[in-house]
Amino acid sequence: MAEVGAWLAIGAATGFFAGLLGIGGGTILVSSLALMFAAQGIAAAYVMHMAIGTSLAAIMAGAWGSFRTHHRHGAVDWSVVRATVPGVLAGALAGGAASRWLSTGFLKTFFLVFLVVVTAQMVFGFRPKAGRGLPGRAGLAATGAFIGASSSLFGGGAAAVGVPFLTWCGMTMHTAIGTVSAIGFPLAIAGSVGYVIAGWGIAGLPRWSAGFVYVPAFVVISVASMLVAPFGARLAHRLKGPTLRRIFAVFLLAIGAKVAISV
């Protein structure tokens, strides 16, 4: 029962931040699940794999609830979503499947380095020259492939790359968050399928695991996340863009410190 309570709390936090910041909540999930899986005695060689795979599966529900709310506020650019998703699917599936041959140390390091880079961008406001527009369909598909592959290796949604990229290209923060929420839903599906494939048949994984996805945690976290995500999305539309950027940066920095110390 204690585990179920912890999963409910993690899912609620995940859903709230997914709606508020369009982040998918993966950074919360990976660090929290890694701690729980390690305490449960899962082999150290697969703790990060299980945490990332379960995270990707669990953020599907939050992403679904989040992008539907953003869509009702008119904050999803569907032309960008349609152009980006093919690359996202290919990159996320490939990254997840390749995780079988990557060490826990590599996955943890990738997770931390990626968070530091993105946080620096948000804190210091690194941006290209004003007036840059969105690339064409080929450019968006290539960007989607990078977003999908990188996201599947640190268990987050698309926002770590997608939100800064779209705001660099002149999109407002609110629309960027809503658009990335829509991109994050298919990304989570493809990434979690990749981790199921990667972990299939490996001995010593917990009962009720599907490859590197721990199904009980995935189900409980998903339900809590889906219920709470719309509240975060509604709050996002009451806050100004600079406020959202500061929240995003502080959130990423705090999670990075937690993983570096605890996992």
C-alpha atoms as a PDB file:
ATOM      1  CA  MET A   1       0.000   0.000   0.000  1.00  0.00           C
ATOM      2  CA  ALA A   2       2.883   2.375   0.708  1.00  0.00           C
ATOM      3  CA  GLU A   3       4.117   1.887  -2.836  1.00  0.00           C
ATOM      4  CA  VAL A   4       0.659   2.657  -4.242  1.00  0.00           C
ATOM      5  CA  GLY A   5       0.477   5.858  -2.192  1.00  0.00           C
ATOM      6  CA  ALA A   6       3.882   6.932  -3.439  1.00  0.00           C
ATOM      7  CA  TRP A   7       2.882   6.222  -7.042  1.00  0.00           C
ATOM      8  CA  LEU A   8      -0.298   8.281  -6.597  1.00  0.00           C
ATOM      9  CA  ALA A   9       1.699  11.242  -5.257  1.00  0.00           C
ATOM     10  CA  ILE A  10       4.260  10.949  -8.056  1.00  0.00           C
ATOM     11  CA  GLY A  11       1.486  10.748 -10.641  1.00  0.00           C
ATOM     12  CA  ALA A  12      -0.262  13.831  -9.275  1.00  0.00           C
ATOM     13  CA  ALA A  13       2.961  15.873  -9.369  1.00  0.00           C
ATOM     14  CA  THR A  14       3.726  14.571 -12.845  1.00  0.00           C
ATOM     15  CA  GLY A  15       0.314  15.494 -14.206  1.00  0.00           C
ATOM     16  CA  PHE A  16       0.375  18.959 -12.672  1.00  0.00           C
ATOM     17  CA  PHE A  17       3.762  19.894 -14.135  1.00  0.00           C
ATOM     18  CA  ALA A  18       2.885  18.273 -17.459  1.00  0.00           C
ATOM     19  CA  GLY A  19      -0.089  20.586 -17.752  1.00  0.00           C
ATOM     20  CA  LEU A  20       1.644  23.664 -16.369  1.00  0.00           C
ATOM     21  CA  LEU A  21       4.914  23.450 -18.280  1.00  0.00           C
ATOM     22  CA  GLY A  22       4.288  20.954 -21.068  1.00  0.00           C
ATOM     23  CA  ILE A  23       7.210  18.882 -19.769  1.00  0.00           C
ATOM     24  CA  GLY A  24       5.512  15.509 -19.666  1.00  0.00           C
ATOM     25  CA  GLY A  25       6.748  15.014 -16.094  1.00  0.00           C
ATOM     26  CA  GLY A  26       9.431  12.521 -17.038  1.00  0.00           C
ATOM     27  CA  THR A  27      12.111  14.250 -14.999  1.00  0.00           C
ATOM     28  CA  ILE A  28      10.048  13.769 -11.830  1.00  0.00           C
ATOM     29  CA  LEU A  29       9.261  10.191 -12.723  1.00  0.00           C
ATOM     30  CA  VAL A  30      12.756   9.002 -13.607  1.00  0.00           C
ATOM     31  CA  SER A  31      14.378  10.246 -10.398  1.00  0.00           C
ATOM     32  CA  SER A  32      11.523   9.081  -8.145  1.00  0.00           C
ATOM     33  CA  LEU A  33      11.136   5.670  -9.760  1.00  0.00           C
ATOM     34  CA  ALA A  34      14.889   5.053  -9.773  1.00  0.00           C
ATOM     35  CA  LEU A  35      14.951   5.582  -6.013  1.00  0.00           C
ATOM     36  CA  MET A  36      11.974   3.269  -5.497  1.00  0.00           C
ATOM     37  CA  PHE A  37      13.286   0.537  -7.802  1.00  0.00           C
ATOM     38  CA  ALA A  38      16.691   0.612  -6.130  1.00  0.00           C
ATOM     39  CA  ALA A  39      15.035   0.230  -2.719  1.00  0.00           C
ATOM     40  CA  GLN A  40      13.040  -2.738  -4.048  1.00  0.00           C
ATOM     41  CA  GLY A  41      16.247  -4.532  -4.910  1.00  0.00           C
ATOM     42  CA  ILE A  42      16.030  -4.407  -8.694  1.00  0.00           C
ATOM     43  CA  ALA A  43      19.430  -5.154 -10.234  1.00  0.00           C
ATOM     44  CA  ALA A  44      21.515  -1.980 -10.338  1.00  0.00           C
ATOM     45  CA  ALA A  45      22.336  -2.620 -13.996  1.00  0.00           C
ATOM     46  CA  TYR A  46      18.669  -2.107 -14.902  1.00  0.00           C
ATOM     47  CA  VAL A  47      17.419   0.491 -12.398  1.00  0.00           C
ATOM     48  CA  MET A  48      17.702   3.418 -14.829  1.00  0.00           C
ATOM     49  CA  HIS A  49      16.298   1.356 -17.700  1.00  0.00           C
ATOM     50  CA  MET A  50      13.227   0.446 -15.643  1.00  0.00           C
ATOM     51  CA  ALA A  51      12.806   4.026 -14.413  1.00  0.00           C
ATOM     52  CA  ILE A  52      13.026   5.520 -17.909  1.00  0.00           C
ATOM     53  CA  GLY A  53      10.844   2.883 -19.578  1.00  0.00           C
ATOM     54  CA  THR A  54       8.138   3.141 -16.917  1.00  0.00           C
ATOM     55  CA  SER A  55       8.352   6.933 -17.048  1.00  0.00           C
ATOM     56  CA  LEU A  56       7.758   7.023 -20.790  1.00  0.00           C
ATOM     57  CA  ALA A  57       4.743   4.741 -20.438  1.00  0.00           C
ATOM     58  CA  ALA A  58       3.312   6.747 -17.539  1.00  0.00           C
ATOM     59  CA  ILE A  59       3.587  10.175 -19.201  1.00  0.00           C
ATOM     60  CA  MET A  60       1.184   9.103 -21.944  1.00  0.00           C
ATOM     61  CA  ALA A  61      -1.837   9.791 -19.740  1.00  0.00           C
ATOM     62  CA  GLY A  62      -0.594  13.175 -18.548  1.00  0.00           C
ATOM     63  CA  ALA A  63       0.329  14.224 -22.070  1.00  0.00           C
ATOM     64  CA  TRP A  64      -3.126  13.228 -23.313  1.00  0.00           C
ATOM     65  CA  GLY A  65      -4.937  15.266 -20.663  1.00  0.00           C
ATOM     66  CA  SER A  66      -2.548  18.195 -21.031  1.00  0.00           C
ATOM     67  CA  PHE A  67      -2.698  18.642 -24.795  1.00  0.00           C
ATOM     68  CA  ARG A  68      -6.500  18.323 -24.847  1.00  0.00           C
ATOM     69  CA  THR A  69      -6.758  21.201 -22.384  1.00  0.00           C
ATOM     70  CA  HIS A  70      -4.246  23.299 -24.339  1.00  0.00           C
ATOM     71  CA  HIS A  71      -6.184  22.534 -27.529  1.00  0.00           C
ATOM     72  CA  ARG A  72      -9.380  23.892 -25.980  1.00  0.00           C
ATOM     73  CA  HIS A  73      -7.460  27.123 -25.281  1.00  0.00           C
ATOM     74  CA  GLY A  74      -6.328  27.292 -28.924  1.00  0.00           C
ATOM     75  CA  ALA A  75      -2.679  26.788 -27.936  1.00  0.00           C
ATOM     76  CA  VAL A  76      -1.717  23.849 -30.195  1.00  0.00           C
ATOM     77  CA  ASP A  77      -0.219  24.509 -33.637  1.00  0.00           C
ATOM     78  CA  TRP A  78      -1.376  21.342 -35.392  1.00  0.00           C
ATOM     79  CA  SER A  79       0.571  22.044 -38.586  1.00  0.00           C
ATOM     80  CA  VAL A  80       3.808  21.854 -36.555  1.00  0.00           C
ATOM     81  CA  VAL A  81       2.599  18.712 -34.776  1.00  0.00           C
ATOM     82  CA  ARG A  82       1.824  16.922 -38.066  1.00  0.00           C
ATOM     83  CA  ALA A  83       5.221  17.807 -39.545  1.00  0.00           C
ATOM     84  CA  THR A  84       7.193  16.841 -36.436  1.00  0.00           C
ATOM     85  CA  VAL A  85       5.524  13.608 -35.308  1.00  0.00           C
ATOM     86  CA  PRO A  86       6.956  11.226 -37.982  1.00  0.00           C
ATOM     87  CA  GLY A  87      10.500  12.064 -36.893  1.00  0.00           C
ATOM     88  CA  VAL A  88       9.504  11.906 -33.223  1.00  0.00           C
ATOM     89  CA  LEU A  89       8.100   8.391 -33.621  1.00  0.00           C
ATOM     90  CA  ALA A  90      11.173   7.096 -35.435  1.00  0.00           C
ATOM     91  CA  GLY A  91      13.627   8.681 -32.995  1.00  0.00           C
ATOM     92  CA  ALA A  92      11.792   7.592 -29.834  1.00  0.00           C
ATOM     93  CA  LEU A  93      11.327   4.000 -30.971  1.00  0.00           C
ATOM     94  CA  ALA A  94      14.969   3.702 -32.019  1.00  0.00           C
ATOM     95  CA  GLY A  95      16.271   5.270 -28.807  1.00  0.00           C
ATOM     96  CA  GLY A  96      14.136   3.053 -26.609  1.00  0.00           C
ATOM     97  CA  ALA A  97      15.077  -0.132 -28.429  1.00  0.00           C
ATOM     98  CA  ALA A  98      18.783   0.786 -28.311  1.00  0.00           C
ATOM     99  CA  SER A  99      18.682   1.167 -24.515  1.00  0.00           C
ATOM    100  CA  ARG A 100      19.262  -2.586 -24.103  1.00  0.00           C
ATOM    101  CA  TRP A 101      22.923  -2.024 -25.007  1.00  0.00           C
ATOM    102  CA  LEU A 102      23.406   1.134 -22.884  1.00  0.00           C
ATOM    103  CA  SER A 103      24.641   1.061 -19.290  1.00  0.00           C
ATOM    104  CA  THR A 104      22.870   2.585 -16.305  1.00  0.00           C
ATOM    105  CA  GLY A 105      25.837   4.942 -15.896  1.00  0.00           C
ATOM    106  CA  PHE A 106      25.456   6.208 -19.449  1.00  0.00           C
ATOM    107  CA  LEU A 107      21.721   6.791 -19.051  1.00  0.00           C
ATOM    108  CA  LYS A 108      22.195   8.658 -15.773  1.00  0.00           C
ATOM    109  CA  THR A 109      24.957  10.837 -17.223  1.00  0.00           C
ATOM    110  CA  PHE A 110      22.908  11.601 -20.337  1.00  0.00           C
ATOM    111  CA  PHE A 111      19.967  12.541 -18.122  1.00  0.00           C
ATOM    112  CA  LEU A 112      22.025  14.963 -16.022  1.00  0.00           C
ATOM    113  CA  VAL A 113      23.962  16.573 -18.873  1.00  0.00           C
ATOM    114  CA  PHE A 114      20.804  17.167 -20.862  1.00  0.00           C
ATOM    115  CA  LEU A 115      19.127  18.844 -17.891  1.00  0.00           C
ATOM    116  CA  VAL A 116      22.108  21.140 -17.310  1.00  0.00           C
ATOM    117  CA  VAL A 117      22.151  22.270 -20.959  1.00  0.00           C
ATOM    118  CA  VAL A 118      18.434  22.965 -21.077  1.00  0.00           C
ATOM    119  CA  THR A 119      18.400  24.725 -17.710  1.00  0.00           C
ATOM    120  CA  ALA A 120      21.255  27.006 -18.789  1.00  0.00           C
ATOM    121  CA  GLN A 121      19.312  27.925 -21.907  1.00  0.00           C
ATOM    122  CA  MET A 122      16.228  28.801 -19.886  1.00  0.00           C
ATOM    123  CA  VAL A 123      18.071  30.714 -17.141  1.00  0.00           C
ATOM    124  CA  PHE A 124      20.325  32.793 -19.402  1.00  0.00           C
ATOM    125  CA  GLY A 125      17.859  33.134 -22.260  1.00  0.00           C
ATOM    126  CA  PHE A 126      20.137  31.936 -25.065  1.00  0.00           C
ATOM    127  CA  ARG A 127      18.242  32.653 -28.290  1.00  0.00           C
ATOM    128  CA  PRO A 128      19.079  32.945 -31.997  1.00  0.00           C
ATOM    129  CA  LYS A 129      18.791  36.287 -33.751  1.00  0.00           C
ATOM    130  CA  ALA A 130      15.323  37.772 -33.770  1.00  0.00           C
ATOM    131  CA  GLY A 131      13.136  36.999 -36.750  1.00  0.00           C
ATOM    132  CA  ARG A 132      13.948  33.318 -37.169  1.00  0.00           C
ATOM    133  CA  GLY A 133      10.926  31.378 -38.363  1.00  0.00           C
ATOM    134  CA  LEU A 134       9.984  27.740 -38.260  1.00  0.00           C
ATOM    135  CA  PRO A 135      11.862  25.397 -40.631  1.00  0.00           C
ATOM    136  CA  GLY A 136      10.082  23.495 -43.406  1.00  0.00           C
ATOM    137  CA  ARG A 137       8.574  20.036 -43.092  1.00  0.00           C
ATOM    138  CA  ALA A 138      11.930  18.296 -43.573  1.00  0.00           C
ATOM    139  CA  GLY A 139      13.543  20.461 -40.899  1.00  0.00           C
ATOM    140  CA  LEU A 140      10.684  19.842 -38.462  1.00  0.00           C
ATOM    141  CA  ALA A 141      10.852  16.081 -39.111  1.00  0.00           C
ATOM    142  CA  ALA A 142      14.606  16.076 -38.436  1.00  0.00           C
ATOM    143  CA  THR A 143      14.062  18.106 -35.278  1.00  0.00           C
ATOM    144  CA  GLY A 144      11.374  15.624 -34.268  1.00  0.00           C
ATOM    145  CA  ALA A 145      13.800  12.708 -34.704  1.00  0.00           C
ATOM    146  CA  PHE A 146      16.310  14.400 -32.403  1.00  0.00           C
ATOM    147  CA  ILE A 147      13.604  15.202 -29.849  1.00  0.00           C
ATOM    148  CA  GLY A 148      12.331  11.615 -29.945  1.00  0.00           C
ATOM    149  CA  ALA A 149      15.737   9.970 -29.587  1.00  0.00           C
ATOM    150  CA  SER A 150      17.011  12.262 -26.841  1.00  0.00           C
ATOM    151  CA  SER A 151      13.748  12.129 -24.898  1.00  0.00           C
ATOM    152  CA  SER A 152      13.703   8.336 -24.967  1.00  0.00           C
ATOM    153  CA  LEU A 153      17.177   8.284 -23.389  1.00  0.00           C
ATOM    154  CA  PHE A 154      16.329  10.465 -20.408  1.00  0.00           C
ATOM    155  CA  GLY A 155      12.683   9.526 -19.934  1.00  0.00           C
ATOM    156  CA  GLY A 156      11.246  12.998 -20.365  1.00  0.00           C
ATOM    157  CA  GLY A 157       8.713  14.356 -22.758  1.00  0.00           C
ATOM    158  CA  ALA A 158       9.440  16.509 -25.761  1.00  0.00           C
ATOM    159  CA  ALA A 159       9.588  19.834 -23.930  1.00  0.00           C
ATOM    160  CA  ALA A 160      13.236  19.814 -22.880  1.00  0.00           C
ATOM    161  CA  VAL A 161      14.149  20.453 -26.513  1.00  0.00           C
ATOM    162  CA  GLY A 162      10.814  21.295 -28.088  1.00  0.00           C
ATOM    163  CA  VAL A 163       9.739  24.280 -25.975  1.00  0.00           C
ATOM    164  CA  PRO A 164      13.066  26.181 -26.276  1.00  0.00           C
ATOM    165  CA  PHE A 165      13.265  25.335 -29.991  1.00  0.00           C
ATOM    166  CA  LEU A 166       9.767  26.574 -30.806  1.00  0.00           C
ATOM    167  CA  THR A 167      10.177  29.756 -28.761  1.00  0.00           C
ATOM    168  CA  TRP A 168      13.508  30.376 -30.564  1.00  0.00           C
ATOM    169  CA  CYS A 169      11.555  30.158 -33.797  1.00  0.00           C
ATOM    170  CA  GLY A 170       9.166  32.895 -32.727  1.00  0.00           C
ATOM    171  CA  MET A 171       6.311  30.878 -31.217  1.00  0.00           C
ATOM    172  CA  THR A 172       4.781  32.242 -28.019  1.00  0.00           C
ATOM    173  CA  MET A 173       5.522  30.331 -24.817  1.00  0.00           C
ATOM    174  CA  HIS A 174       1.901  29.263 -24.355  1.00  0.00           C
ATOM    175  CA  THR A 175       1.582  27.915 -27.899  1.00  0.00           C
ATOM    176  CA  ALA A 176       4.978  26.216 -27.670  1.00  0.00           C
ATOM    177  CA  ILE A 177       3.930  24.435 -24.469  1.00  0.00           C
ATOM    178  CA  GLY A 178       0.602  23.353 -25.957  1.00  0.00           C
ATOM    179  CA  THR A 179       2.180  22.177 -29.204  1.00  0.00           C
ATOM    180  CA  VAL A 180       4.885  20.216 -27.400  1.00  0.00           C
ATOM    181  CA  SER A 181       2.252  18.581 -25.194  1.00  0.00           C
ATOM    182  CA  ALA A 182       0.608  17.236 -28.359  1.00  0.00           C
ATOM    183  CA  ILE A 183       3.977  16.034 -29.688  1.00  0.00           C
ATOM    184  CA  GLY A 184       4.764  14.384 -26.349  1.00  0.00           C
ATOM    185  CA  PHE A 185       1.831  11.972 -26.514  1.00  0.00           C
ATOM    186  CA  PRO A 186       2.973   9.932 -29.559  1.00  0.00           C
ATOM    187  CA  LEU A 187       6.577  10.260 -28.354  1.00  0.00           C
ATOM    188  CA  ALA A 188       5.668   8.531 -25.097  1.00  0.00           C
ATOM    189  CA  ILE A 189       3.934   5.707 -26.942  1.00  0.00           C
ATOM    190  CA  ALA A 190       6.870   5.045 -29.272  1.00  0.00           C
ATOM    191  CA  GLY A 191       9.481   5.377 -26.526  1.00  0.00           C
ATOM    192  CA  SER A 192       7.718   3.010 -24.145  1.00  0.00           C
ATOM    193  CA  VAL A 193       7.268   0.437 -26.921  1.00  0.00           C
ATOM    194  CA  GLY A 194      11.016   0.684 -27.539  1.00  0.00           C
ATOM    195  CA  TYR A 195      11.749  -0.035 -23.868  1.00  0.00           C
ATOM    196  CA  VAL A 196       9.341  -2.976 -23.838  1.00  0.00           C
ATOM    197  CA  ILE A 197      11.236  -4.430 -26.807  1.00  0.00           C
ATOM    198  CA  ALA A 198      14.650  -3.671 -25.264  1.00  0.00           C
ATOM    199  CA  GLY A 199      13.874  -5.390 -21.972  1.00  0.00           C
ATOM    200  CA  TRP A 200      11.913  -8.352 -23.308  1.00  0.00           C
ATOM    201  CA  GLY A 201      13.325 -11.675 -22.130  1.00  0.00           C
ATOM    202  CA  ILE A 202      15.870 -10.249 -19.680  1.00  0.00           C
ATOM    203  CA  ALA A 203      16.034 -12.393 -16.536  1.00  0.00           C
ATOM    204  CA  GLY A 204      15.686 -10.908 -13.056  1.00  0.00           C
ATOM    205  CA  LEU A 205      13.226  -8.114 -13.804  1.00  0.00           C
ATOM    206  CA  PRO A 206      10.277  -7.710 -11.394  1.00  0.00           C
ATOM    207  CA  ARG A 207       7.064  -9.687 -11.805  1.00  0.00           C
ATOM    208  CA  TRP A 208       4.455  -7.792 -13.849  1.00  0.00           C
ATOM    209  CA  SER A 209       7.140  -6.097 -15.927  1.00  0.00           C
ATOM    210  CA  ALA A 210       6.721  -5.797 -19.682  1.00  0.00           C
ATOM    211  CA  GLY A 211      10.321  -5.474 -20.751  1.00  0.00           C
ATOM    212  CA  PHE A 212      11.664  -2.375 -19.003  1.00  0.00           C
ATOM    213  CA  VAL A 213       8.153  -1.089 -18.140  1.00  0.00           C
ATOM    214  CA  TYR A 214       6.835  -1.916 -14.660  1.00  0.00           C
ATOM    215  CA  VAL A 215       3.100  -2.205 -15.296  1.00  0.00           C
ATOM    216  CA  PRO A 216       1.667  -1.621 -11.753  1.00  0.00           C
ATOM    217  CA  ALA A 217       3.543   1.677 -11.370  1.00  0.00           C
ATOM    218  CA  PHE A 218       2.634   2.693 -14.920  1.00  0.00           C
ATOM    219  CA  VAL A 219      -1.104   2.147 -14.311  1.00  0.00           C
ATOM    220  CA  VAL A 220      -1.364   3.932 -10.952  1.00  0.00           C
ATOM    221  CA  ILE A 221       0.796   6.891 -11.993  1.00  0.00           C
ATOM    222  CA  SER A 222      -1.131   7.231 -15.260  1.00  0.00           C
ATOM    223  CA  VAL A 223      -4.510   7.497 -13.537  1.00  0.00           C
ATOM    224  CA  ALA A 224      -3.323  10.149 -11.064  1.00  0.00           C
ATOM    225  CA  SER A 225      -1.487  12.065 -13.768  1.00  0.00           C
ATOM    226  CA  MET A 226      -4.457  12.150 -16.139  1.00  0.00           C
ATOM    227  CA  LEU A 227      -6.768  13.472 -13.426  1.00  0.00           C
ATOM    228  CA  VAL A 228      -4.442  16.287 -12.332  1.00  0.00           C
ATOM    229  CA  ALA A 229      -2.943  17.435 -15.677  1.00  0.00           C
ATOM    230  CA  PRO A 230      -5.900  19.652 -16.714  1.00  0.00           C
ATOM    231  CA  PHE A 231      -5.501  21.747 -13.545  1.00  0.00           C
ATOM    232  CA  GLY A 232      -1.891  22.540 -14.408  1.00  0.00           C
ATOM    233  CA  ALA A 233      -2.822  23.348 -18.010  1.00  0.00           C
ATOM    234  CA  ARG A 234      -5.518  25.791 -16.903  1.00  0.00           C
ATOM    235  CA  LEU A 235      -3.071  27.527 -14.555  1.00  0.00           C
ATOM    236  CA  ALA A 236      -0.548  27.862 -17.410  1.00  0.00           C
ATOM    237  CA  HIS A 237      -2.957  30.104 -19.301  1.00  0.00           C
ATOM    238  CA  ARG A 238      -3.184  32.490 -16.329  1.00  0.00           C
ATOM    239  CA  LEU A 239       0.584  33.045 -16.099  1.00  0.00           C
ATOM    240  CA  LYS A 240       2.815  35.194 -18.300  1.00  0.00           C
ATOM    241  CA  GLY A 241       5.496  33.701 -20.573  1.00  0.00           C
ATOM    242  CA  PRO A 242       8.535  34.932 -18.553  1.00  0.00           C
ATOM    243  CA  THR A 243       7.025  33.465 -15.394  1.00  0.00           C
ATOM    244  CA  LEU A 244       6.636  30.097 -17.087  1.00  0.00           C
ATOM    245  CA  ARG A 245      10.255  30.170 -18.271  1.00  0.00           C
ATOM    246  CA  ARG A 246      11.509  30.857 -14.739  1.00  0.00           C
ATOM    247  CA  ILE A 247       9.371  28.053 -13.307  1.00  0.00           C
ATOM    248  CA  PHE A 248      10.613  25.698 -16.008  1.00  0.00           C
ATOM    249  CA  ALA A 249      14.275  26.519 -15.334  1.00  0.00           C
ATOM    250  CA  VAL A 250      14.036  26.238 -11.532  1.00  0.00           C
ATOM    251  CA  PHE A 251      12.117  22.973 -11.827  1.00  0.00           C
ATOM    252  CA  LEU A 252      14.710  21.377 -14.106  1.00  0.00           C
ATOM    253  CA  LEU A 253      17.593  22.522 -11.912  1.00  0.00           C
ATOM    254  CA  ALA A 254      16.001  21.092  -8.760  1.00  0.00           C
ATOM    255  CA  ILE A 255      15.324  17.738 -10.390  1.00  0.00           C
ATOM    256  CA  GLY A 256      18.873  17.556 -11.764  1.00  0.00           C
ATOM    257  CA  ALA A 257      20.323  18.111  -8.296  1.00  0.00           C
ATOM    258  CA  LYS A 258      18.059  15.414  -6.860  1.00  0.00           C
ATOM    259  CA  VAL A 259      19.173  12.845  -9.411  1.00  0.00           C
ATOM    260  CA  ALA A 260      22.875  13.707  -9.037  1.00  0.00           C
ATOM    261  CA  ILE A 261      22.732  13.255  -5.268  1.00  0.00           C
ATOM    262  CA  SER A 262      20.251  10.426  -4.852  1.00  0.00           C
ATOM    263  CA  VAL A 263      20.279   8.051  -7.824  1.00  0.00           C
END
